[in-house]
C-alpha atoms as a PDB file:
ATOM      1  CA  UNK A   1       3.321  14.773  -9.500  1.00  0.00           C
ATOM      2  CA  UNK A   2       0.920  12.962  -7.034  1.00  0.00           C
ATOM      3  CA  UNK A   3       3.641  11.882  -4.391  1.00  0.00           C
ATOM      4  CA  UNK A   4       6.918  13.861  -3.823  1.00  0.00           C
ATOM      5  CA  UNK A   5       9.218  13.001  -0.974  1.00  0.00           C
ATOM      6  CA  UNK A   6      12.208  14.968  -0.511  1.00  0.00           C
ATOM      7  CA  UNK A   7      15.004  14.379   2.039  1.00  0.00           C
ATOM      8  CA  UNK A   8      12.650  12.399   4.300  1.00  0.00           C
ATOM      9  CA  UNK A   9      14.252  11.604   7.543  1.00  0.00           C
ATOM     10  CA  UNK A  10      12.759   9.594  10.689  1.00  0.00           C
ATOM     11  CA  UNK A  11      14.457   8.851  13.714  1.00  0.00           C
ATOM     12  CA  UNK A  12      13.497   6.280  16.510  1.00  0.00           C
ATOM     13  CA  UNK A  13      15.556   5.975  19.700  1.00  0.00           C
ATOM     14  CA  UNK A  14      18.492   7.932  18.056  1.00  0.00           C
ATOM     15  CA  UNK A  15      18.638   5.409  15.239  1.00  0.00           C
ATOM     16  CA  UNK A  16      17.784   6.906  11.712  1.00  0.00           C
ATOM     17  CA  UNK A  17      15.337   4.645  10.154  1.00  0.00           C
ATOM     18  CA  UNK A  18      15.100   6.799   7.228  1.00  0.00           C
ATOM     19  CA  UNK A  19      18.086   8.952   6.380  1.00  0.00           C
ATOM     20  CA  UNK A  20      17.464  11.827   3.800  1.00  0.00           C
ATOM     21  CA  UNK A  21      15.513   9.842   1.148  1.00  0.00           C
ATOM     22  CA  UNK A  22      13.816  11.159  -1.908  1.00  0.00           C
ATOM     23  CA  UNK A  23      11.534   9.755  -4.349  1.00  0.00           C
ATOM     24  CA  UNK A  24       8.502  10.781  -6.690  1.00  0.00           C
ATOM     25  CA  UNK A  25       5.427   8.920  -7.760  1.00  0.00           C
ATOM     26  CA  UNK A  26       3.351  10.013 -10.722  1.00  0.00           C
ATOM     27  CA  UNK A  27      -0.462   9.876 -11.142  1.00  0.00           C
ATOM     28  CA  UNK A  28      -1.338   6.186 -12.545  1.00  0.00           C
ATOM     29  CA  UNK A  29       2.029   4.736 -11.231  1.00  0.00           C
ATOM     30  CA  UNK A  30       2.580   2.018  -8.819  1.00  0.00           C
ATOM     31  CA  UNK A  31       6.009   2.165  -6.889  1.00  0.00           C
ATOM     32  CA  UNK A  32       7.216  -0.811  -4.925  1.00  0.00           C
ATOM     33  CA  UNK A  33       9.111  -0.209  -1.708  1.00  0.00           C
ATOM     34  CA  UNK A  34      11.252  -3.121  -0.783  1.00  0.00           C
ATOM     35  CA  UNK A  35      13.992  -4.304   1.438  1.00  0.00           C
ATOM     36  CA  UNK A  36      14.674  -6.595   4.380  1.00  0.00           C
ATOM     37  CA  UNK A  37      12.689  -6.572   7.430  1.00  0.00           C
ATOM     38  CA  UNK A  38      13.374  -3.370   9.525  1.00  0.00           C
ATOM     39  CA  UNK A  39      14.508  -1.354   6.499  1.00  0.00           C
ATOM     40  CA  UNK A  40      11.882   1.282   7.020  1.00  0.00           C
ATOM     41  CA  UNK A  41       9.428   0.364   4.436  1.00  0.00           C
ATOM     42  CA  UNK A  42       6.215   0.688   6.420  1.00  0.00           C
ATOM     43  CA  UNK A  43       7.367   3.720   7.982  1.00  0.00           C
ATOM     44  CA  UNK A  44       7.510   5.329   4.825  1.00  0.00           C
ATOM     45  CA  UNK A  45       3.869   4.806   4.248  1.00  0.00           C
ATOM     46  CA  UNK A  46       2.866   5.726   7.820  1.00  0.00           C
ATOM     47  CA  UNK A  47       4.829   9.162   7.260  1.00  0.00           C
ATOM     48  CA  UNK A  48       3.191   9.859   4.079  1.00  0.00           C
ATOM     49  CA  UNK A  49      -0.520   9.064   5.408  1.00  0.00           C
ATOM     50  CA  UNK A  50       0.114  10.951   8.653  1.00  0.00           C
ATOM     51  CA  UNK A  51       0.134   8.128  10.951  1.00  0.00           C
ATOM     52  CA  UNK A  52       3.800   9.258  12.083  1.00  0.00           C
ATOM     53  CA  UNK A  53       5.351  12.626  12.310  1.00  0.00           C
ATOM     54  CA  UNK A  54       8.466  13.064  10.198  1.00  0.00           C
ATOM     55  CA  UNK A  55      11.760  14.502  11.589  1.00  0.00           C
ATOM     56  CA  UNK A  56      12.994  16.110   8.445  1.00  0.00           C
ATOM     57  CA  UNK A  57      12.232  16.702   4.826  1.00  0.00           C
ATOM     58  CA  UNK A  58       9.200  17.169   2.977  1.00  0.00           C
ATOM     59  CA  UNK A  59       6.231  15.112   1.760  1.00  0.00           C
ATOM     60  CA  UNK A  60       3.607  16.448  -0.824  1.00  0.00           C
ATOM     61  CA  UNK A  61       0.604  14.697  -2.197  1.00  0.00           C
ATOM     62  CA  UNK A  62      -2.118  15.675  -4.733  1.00  0.00           C
ATOM     63  CA  UNK A  63      -5.107  17.375  -3.238  1.00  0.00           C
ATOM     64  CA  UNK A  64      -7.700  14.515  -2.194  1.00  0.00           C
ATOM     65  CA  UNK A  65      -7.678  11.620   0.014  1.00  0.00           C
ATOM     66  CA  UNK A  66      -4.577   9.303   0.765  1.00  0.00           C
ATOM     67  CA  UNK A  67      -5.912   5.849   1.422  1.00  0.00           C
ATOM     68  CA  UNK A  68      -4.202   3.102   3.506  1.00  0.00           C
ATOM     69  CA  UNK A  69      -4.594  -0.554   2.928  1.00  0.00           C
ATOM     70  CA  UNK A  70      -3.351  -2.159   6.002  1.00  0.00           C
ATOM     71  CA  UNK A  71      -1.352  -5.450   6.087  1.00  0.00           C
ATOM     72  CA  UNK A  72      -3.980  -7.548   7.848  1.00  0.00           C
ATOM     73  CA  UNK A  73      -6.993  -5.974   6.358  1.00  0.00           C
ATOM     74  CA  UNK A  74      -7.774  -4.198   9.677  1.00  0.00           C
ATOM     75  CA  UNK A  75     -11.662  -4.478   9.179  1.00  0.00           C
ATOM     76  CA  UNK A  76     -14.085  -3.893  11.993  1.00  0.00           C
ATOM     77  CA  UNK A  77     -15.293  -7.346  13.312  1.00  0.00           C
ATOM     78  CA  UNK A  78     -18.406  -5.960  14.612  1.00  0.00           C
ATOM     79  CA  UNK A  79     -19.463  -4.335  11.504  1.00  0.00           C
ATOM     80  CA  UNK A  80     -20.834  -6.040   8.373  1.00  0.00           C
ATOM     81  CA  UNK A  81     -19.046  -5.727   5.118  1.00  0.00           C
ATOM     82  CA  UNK A  82     -21.375  -2.688   3.936  1.00  0.00           C
ATOM     83  CA  UNK A  83     -20.824  -0.861   7.019  1.00  0.00           C
ATOM     84  CA  UNK A  84     -16.959  -1.394   7.064  1.00  0.00           C
ATOM     85  CA  UNK A  85     -16.834   0.018   3.384  1.00  0.00           C
ATOM     86  CA  UNK A  86     -19.059   2.972   4.143  1.00  0.00           C
ATOM     87  CA  UNK A  87     -17.341   3.798   7.451  1.00  0.00           C
ATOM     88  CA  UNK A  88     -15.607   6.794   6.313  1.00  0.00           C
ATOM     89  CA  UNK A  89     -18.648   8.318   4.437  1.00  0.00           C
ATOM     90  CA  UNK A  90     -20.714   7.885   7.683  1.00  0.00           C
ATOM     91  CA  UNK A  91     -18.526   9.155  10.288  1.00  0.00           C
ATOM     92  CA  UNK A  92     -16.116  11.612   8.720  1.00  0.00           C
ATOM     93  CA  UNK A  93     -17.323  15.199   9.420  1.00  0.00           C
ATOM     94  CA  UNK A  94     -16.674  16.414   6.063  1.00  0.00           C
ATOM     95  CA  UNK A  95     -18.737  13.546   4.526  1.00  0.00           C
ATOM     96  CA  UNK A  96     -21.374  12.221   7.052  1.00  0.00           C
ATOM     97  CA  UNK A  97     -24.175  14.448   5.642  1.00  0.00           C
ATOM     98  CA  UNK A  98     -23.354  14.192   1.978  1.00  0.00           C
ATOM     99  CA  UNK A  99     -24.988  10.830   1.131  1.00  0.00           C
ATOM    100  CA  UNK A 100     -28.449   9.292   1.692  1.00  0.00           C
ATOM    101  CA  UNK A 101     -28.885   5.706   2.626  1.00  0.00           C
ATOM    102  CA  UNK A 102     -29.597   4.994  -1.003  1.00  0.00           C
ATOM    103  CA  UNK A 103     -26.347   6.574  -1.996  1.00  0.00           C
ATOM    104  CA  UNK A 104     -24.353   4.712   0.376  1.00  0.00           C
ATOM    105  CA  UNK A 105     -25.988   1.428  -0.777  1.00  0.00           C
ATOM    106  CA  UNK A 106     -25.114   2.184  -4.395  1.00  0.00           C
ATOM    107  CA  UNK A 107     -21.493   3.331  -3.685  1.00  0.00           C
ATOM    108  CA  UNK A 108     -20.956   0.122  -1.573  1.00  0.00           C
ATOM    109  CA  UNK A 109     -22.226  -1.993  -4.218  1.00  0.00           C
ATOM    110  CA  UNK A 110     -20.238  -0.583  -7.099  1.00  0.00           C
ATOM    111  CA  UNK A 111     -17.063  -0.859  -4.892  1.00  0.00           C
ATOM    112  CA  UNK A 112     -17.659  -4.436  -4.142  1.00  0.00           C
ATOM    113  CA  UNK A 113     -18.238  -5.003  -7.899  1.00  0.00           C
ATOM    114  CA  UNK A 114     -14.927  -3.335  -8.748  1.00  0.00           C
ATOM    115  CA  UNK A 115     -13.097  -6.053  -6.460  1.00  0.00           C
ATOM    116  CA  UNK A 116     -15.250  -8.770  -7.463  1.00  0.00           C
ATOM    117  CA  UNK A 117     -17.300  -9.394  -4.501  1.00  0.00           C
ATOM    118  CA  UNK A 118     -20.653  -8.255  -5.246  1.00  0.00           C
ATOM    119  CA  UNK A 119     -23.387  -9.505  -3.179  1.00  0.00           C
ATOM    120  CA  UNK A 120     -21.513 -10.068   0.305  1.00  0.00           C
ATOM    121  CA  UNK A 121     -22.753  -6.740   1.780  1.00  0.00           C
ATOM    122  CA  UNK A 122     -24.387  -8.358   4.910  1.00  0.00           C
ATOM    123  CA  UNK A 123     -21.555 -10.820   5.672  1.00  0.00           C
ATOM    124  CA  UNK A 124     -19.147 -10.039   8.600  1.00  0.00           C
ATOM    125  CA  UNK A 125     -15.160 -10.175   8.400  1.00  0.00           C
ATOM    126  CA  UNK A 126     -15.443 -13.744  10.162  1.00  0.00           C
ATOM    127  CA  UNK A 127     -17.299 -15.152   7.419  1.00  0.00           C
ATOM    128  CA  UNK A 128     -14.758 -14.203   4.744  1.00  0.00           C
ATOM    129  CA  UNK A 129     -11.458 -15.645   3.750  1.00  0.00           C
ATOM    130  CA  UNK A 130      -8.383 -13.988   4.174  1.00  0.00           C
ATOM    131  CA  UNK A 131      -8.245 -12.971   0.435  1.00  0.00           C
ATOM    132  CA  UNK A 132     -11.847 -11.654   0.562  1.00  0.00           C
ATOM    133  CA  UNK A 133     -11.074  -9.671   3.580  1.00  0.00           C
ATOM    134  CA  UNK A 134      -8.146  -7.978   1.732  1.00  0.00           C
ATOM    135  CA  UNK A 135     -10.312  -7.062  -1.218  1.00  0.00           C
ATOM    136  CA  UNK A 136     -13.113  -5.735   1.316  1.00  0.00           C
ATOM    137  CA  UNK A 137     -10.253  -3.449   2.684  1.00  0.00           C
ATOM    138  CA  UNK A 138      -9.317  -2.347  -0.946  1.00  0.00           C
ATOM    139  CA  UNK A 139     -13.069  -1.391  -1.470  1.00  0.00           C
ATOM    140  CA  UNK A 140     -13.086   0.502   1.791  1.00  0.00           C
ATOM    141  CA  UNK A 141      -9.837   2.253   0.960  1.00  0.00           C
ATOM    142  CA  UNK A 142     -11.188   3.509  -2.348  1.00  0.00           C
ATOM    143  CA  UNK A 143     -14.681   4.735  -1.220  1.00  0.00           C
ATOM    144  CA  UNK A 144     -13.557   8.226  -0.936  1.00  0.00           C
ATOM    145  CA  UNK A 145     -12.214   8.241  -4.404  1.00  0.00           C
ATOM    146  CA  UNK A 146      -8.397   8.890  -3.164  1.00  0.00           C
ATOM    147  CA  UNK A 147      -5.652  10.253  -5.166  1.00  0.00           C
ATOM    148  CA  UNK A 148      -3.138   8.338  -3.427  1.00  0.00           C
ATOM    149  CA  UNK A 149      -3.194   4.634  -2.406  1.00  0.00           C
ATOM    150  CA  UNK A 150      -0.774   2.906  -0.056  1.00  0.00           C
ATOM    151  CA  UNK A 151      -0.582  -0.854   0.432  1.00  0.00           C
ATOM    152  CA  UNK A 152       1.253  -2.549   3.377  1.00  0.00           C
ATOM    153  CA  UNK A 153       2.549  -5.802   2.441  1.00  0.00           C
ATOM    154  CA  UNK A 154      -0.894  -6.410   0.621  1.00  0.00           C
ATOM    155  CA  UNK A 155      -0.276 -10.237   0.041  1.00  0.00           C
ATOM    156  CA  UNK A 156       1.124 -11.225   3.515  1.00  0.00           C
ATOM    157  CA  UNK A 157      -0.379 -14.492   4.814  1.00  0.00           C
ATOM    158  CA  UNK A 158      -2.030 -15.521   1.600  1.00  0.00           C
ATOM    159  CA  UNK A 159      -1.675 -18.575  -0.547  1.00  0.00           C
ATOM    160  CA  UNK A 160       0.127 -18.065  -3.938  1.00  0.00           C
ATOM    161  CA  UNK A 161      -3.155 -18.216  -5.726  1.00  0.00           C
ATOM    162  CA  UNK A 162      -4.918 -15.639  -3.408  1.00  0.00           C
ATOM    163  CA  UNK A 163      -1.701 -13.545  -3.698  1.00  0.00           C
ATOM    164  CA  UNK A 164      -1.954 -13.500  -7.455  1.00  0.00           C
ATOM    165  CA  UNK A 165      -5.504 -12.405  -7.334  1.00  0.00           C
ATOM    166  CA  UNK A 166      -4.620  -9.593  -4.962  1.00  0.00           C
ATOM    167  CA  UNK A 167      -1.852  -8.354  -7.314  1.00  0.00           C
ATOM    168  CA  UNK A 168      -4.239  -8.432 -10.106  1.00  0.00           C
ATOM    169  CA  UNK A 169      -6.693  -6.318  -8.099  1.00  0.00           C
ATOM    170  CA  UNK A 170      -3.854  -3.972  -7.172  1.00  0.00           C
ATOM    171  CA  UNK A 171      -3.161  -3.348 -11.039  1.00  0.00           C
ATOM    172  CA  UNK A 172      -7.025  -3.092 -11.875  1.00  0.00           C
ATOM    173  CA  UNK A 173      -7.212  -0.344  -9.006  1.00  0.00           C
ATOM    174  CA  UNK A 174      -4.471   1.602 -10.573  1.00  0.00           C
ATOM    175  CA  UNK A 175      -6.172   1.511 -13.806  1.00  0.00           C
ATOM    176  CA  UNK A 176      -9.558   2.485 -12.533  1.00  0.00           C
ATOM    177  CA  UNK A 177      -8.547   5.261 -10.273  1.00  0.00           C
ATOM    178  CA  UNK A 178      -5.385   6.603 -11.819  1.00  0.00           C
ATOM    179  CA  UNK A 179      -4.023   7.139  -8.469  1.00  0.00           C
ATOM    180  CA  UNK A 180      -0.408   7.311  -7.343  1.00  0.00           C
ATOM    181  CA  UNK A 181       0.154   3.902  -5.439  1.00  0.00           C
ATOM    182  CA  UNK A 182       3.053   2.584  -3.318  1.00  0.00           C
ATOM    183  CA  UNK A 183       3.227  -0.870  -2.425  1.00  0.00           C
ATOM    184  CA  UNK A 184       5.386  -2.058   0.418  1.00  0.00           C
ATOM    185  CA  UNK A 185       6.488  -5.874  -0.220  1.00  0.00           C
ATOM    186  CA  UNK A 186       9.013  -8.384   0.124  1.00  0.00           C
ATOM    187  CA  UNK A 187       7.359 -10.863  -2.681  1.00  0.00           C
ATOM    188  CA  UNK A 188       8.969 -10.722  -6.221  1.00  0.00           C
ATOM    189  CA  UNK A 189       5.613 -11.813  -7.856  1.00  0.00           C
ATOM    190  CA  UNK A 190       4.066  -8.669  -6.235  1.00  0.00           C
ATOM    191  CA  UNK A 191       7.133  -6.486  -7.540  1.00  0.00           C
ATOM    192  CA  UNK A 192       6.921  -7.989 -10.978  1.00  0.00           C
ATOM    193  CA  UNK A 193       3.037  -8.002 -11.534  1.00  0.00           C
ATOM    194  CA  UNK A 194       2.213  -4.562  -9.856  1.00  0.00           C
ATOM    195  CA  UNK A 195       5.045  -2.350  -9.803  1.00  0.00           C
ATOM    196  CA  UNK A 196       6.302   0.266 -12.637  1.00  0.00           C
ATOM    197  CA  UNK A 197       9.356   1.229 -10.633  1.00  0.00           C
ATOM    198  CA  UNK A 198      10.708   0.204  -7.168  1.00  0.00           C
ATOM    199  CA  UNK A 199      13.130   1.548  -4.567  1.00  0.00           C
ATOM    200  CA  UNK A 200      15.154  -0.650  -2.302  1.00  0.00           C
ATOM    201  CA  UNK A 201      15.983   0.513   1.250  1.00  0.00           C
ATOM    202  CA  UNK A 202      18.748  -0.458   3.587  1.00  0.00           C
ATOM    203  CA  UNK A 203      20.244   1.043   6.662  1.00  0.00           C
ATOM    204  CA  UNK A 204      17.919   4.190   6.016  1.00  0.00           C
ATOM    205  CA  UNK A 205      19.230   4.946   2.617  1.00  0.00           C
ATOM    206  CA  UNK A 206      17.833   4.135  -1.014  1.00  0.00           C
ATOM    207  CA  UNK A 207      20.492   1.558  -2.427  1.00  0.00           C
ATOM    208  CA  UNK A 208      18.503   0.899  -5.740  1.00  0.00           C
ATOM    209  CA  UNK A 209      15.963   2.500  -7.939  1.00  0.00           C
ATOM    210  CA  UNK A 210      14.808   1.225 -11.152  1.00  0.00           C
ATOM    211  CA  UNK A 211      12.111  -1.055 -12.915  1.00  0.00           C
ATOM    212  CA  UNK A 212      11.434  -4.835 -12.062  1.00  0.00           C
ATOM    213  CA  UNK A 213      13.422  -5.831 -14.942  1.00  0.00           C
ATOM    214  CA  UNK A 214      16.394  -3.757 -13.905  1.00  0.00           C
ATOM    215  CA  UNK A 215      16.348  -5.108 -10.508  1.00  0.00           C
ATOM    216  CA  UNK A 216      16.595  -8.715 -11.875  1.00  0.00           C
ATOM    217  CA  UNK A 217      19.473  -7.505 -14.169  1.00  0.00           C
ATOM    218  CA  UNK A 218      21.252  -5.064 -12.133  1.00  0.00           C
ATOM    219  CA  UNK A 219      25.062  -5.599 -11.512  1.00  0.00           C
ATOM    220  CA  UNK A 220      24.394  -4.439  -7.908  1.00  0.00           C
ATOM    221  CA  UNK A 221      25.423  -6.354  -4.695  1.00  0.00           C
ATOM    222  CA  UNK A 222      22.108  -5.060  -2.997  1.00  0.00           C
ATOM    223  CA  UNK A 223      19.818  -6.215  -5.728  1.00  0.00           C
ATOM    224  CA  UNK A 224      21.679  -9.511  -6.123  1.00  0.00           C
ATOM    225  CA  UNK A 225      21.294 -10.458  -2.432  1.00  0.00           C
ATOM    226  CA  UNK A 226      17.641  -9.339  -2.191  1.00  0.00           C
ATOM    227  CA  UNK A 227      16.751 -11.348  -5.662  1.00  0.00           C
ATOM    228  CA  UNK A 228      18.652 -14.429  -4.506  1.00  0.00           C
ATOM    229  CA  UNK A 229      17.363 -14.297  -1.061  1.00  0.00           C
ATOM    230  CA  UNK A 230      20.967 -14.759   0.326  1.00  0.00           C
ATOM    231  CA  UNK A 231      22.452 -14.315   3.720  1.00  0.00           C
ATOM    232  CA  UNK A 232      25.751 -13.396   2.082  1.00  0.00           C
ATOM    233  CA  UNK A 233      26.178  -9.819   0.757  1.00  0.00           C
ATOM    234  CA  UNK A 234      26.188  -6.040   2.020  1.00  0.00           C
ATOM    235  CA  UNK A 235      22.799  -6.250   3.887  1.00  0.00           C
ATOM    236  CA  UNK A 236      22.671  -7.802   7.349  1.00  0.00           C
ATOM    237  CA  UNK A 237      19.429  -8.986   8.747  1.00  0.00           C
ATOM    238  CA  UNK A 238      18.491  -7.016  11.941  1.00  0.00           C
ATOM    239  CA  UNK A 239      17.765  -9.682  14.689  1.00  0.00           C
END
């Protein structure tokens, strides 16, 4: 099991954003984490990758890197594409002396080819579309051959066609890397196209767990409200 979360709890200002939740993700599997805004979806990712400290519970991942793809790419504006992708290989203490310049050039080229962007090594982020920036962030995330990949709202701010392309690359990276992946999203297309299973969060708890097909068919007031994007139901928006 590549990701195992058991009784995970996180508290902000006396509010339990995550309240004793548990789930697992196998190698080669993609789990979508869904829910209304403020339900703790992104908090789950930040706890798994170590950006936040948990207040209770356990998190286990397979040996190897945990990669995070941020919501808005988070590329370094002052670095070109090649230097963005190779940044971890150049700067991490455990990796900085491992690769020659020729090695780095080859690695960057292969990662760009994998995300369909061959030949843009010397372009800067400002010269790329939002969808291209997102794919460069994918290439950067997998440059260390991670065993776990976390995607935070990977299609946020993209048009429908670009969103579909990004969803296709999430599936492709799952197949190429066999990593355990978690996708935080609110988009039904992303859920249906990328996820093997999903969990729905509300009020700190998991209120549904199943496949995308089961989400659409479930006789569950939470899933019905989510699928219909309705204001009526057990889940109340947090203002």
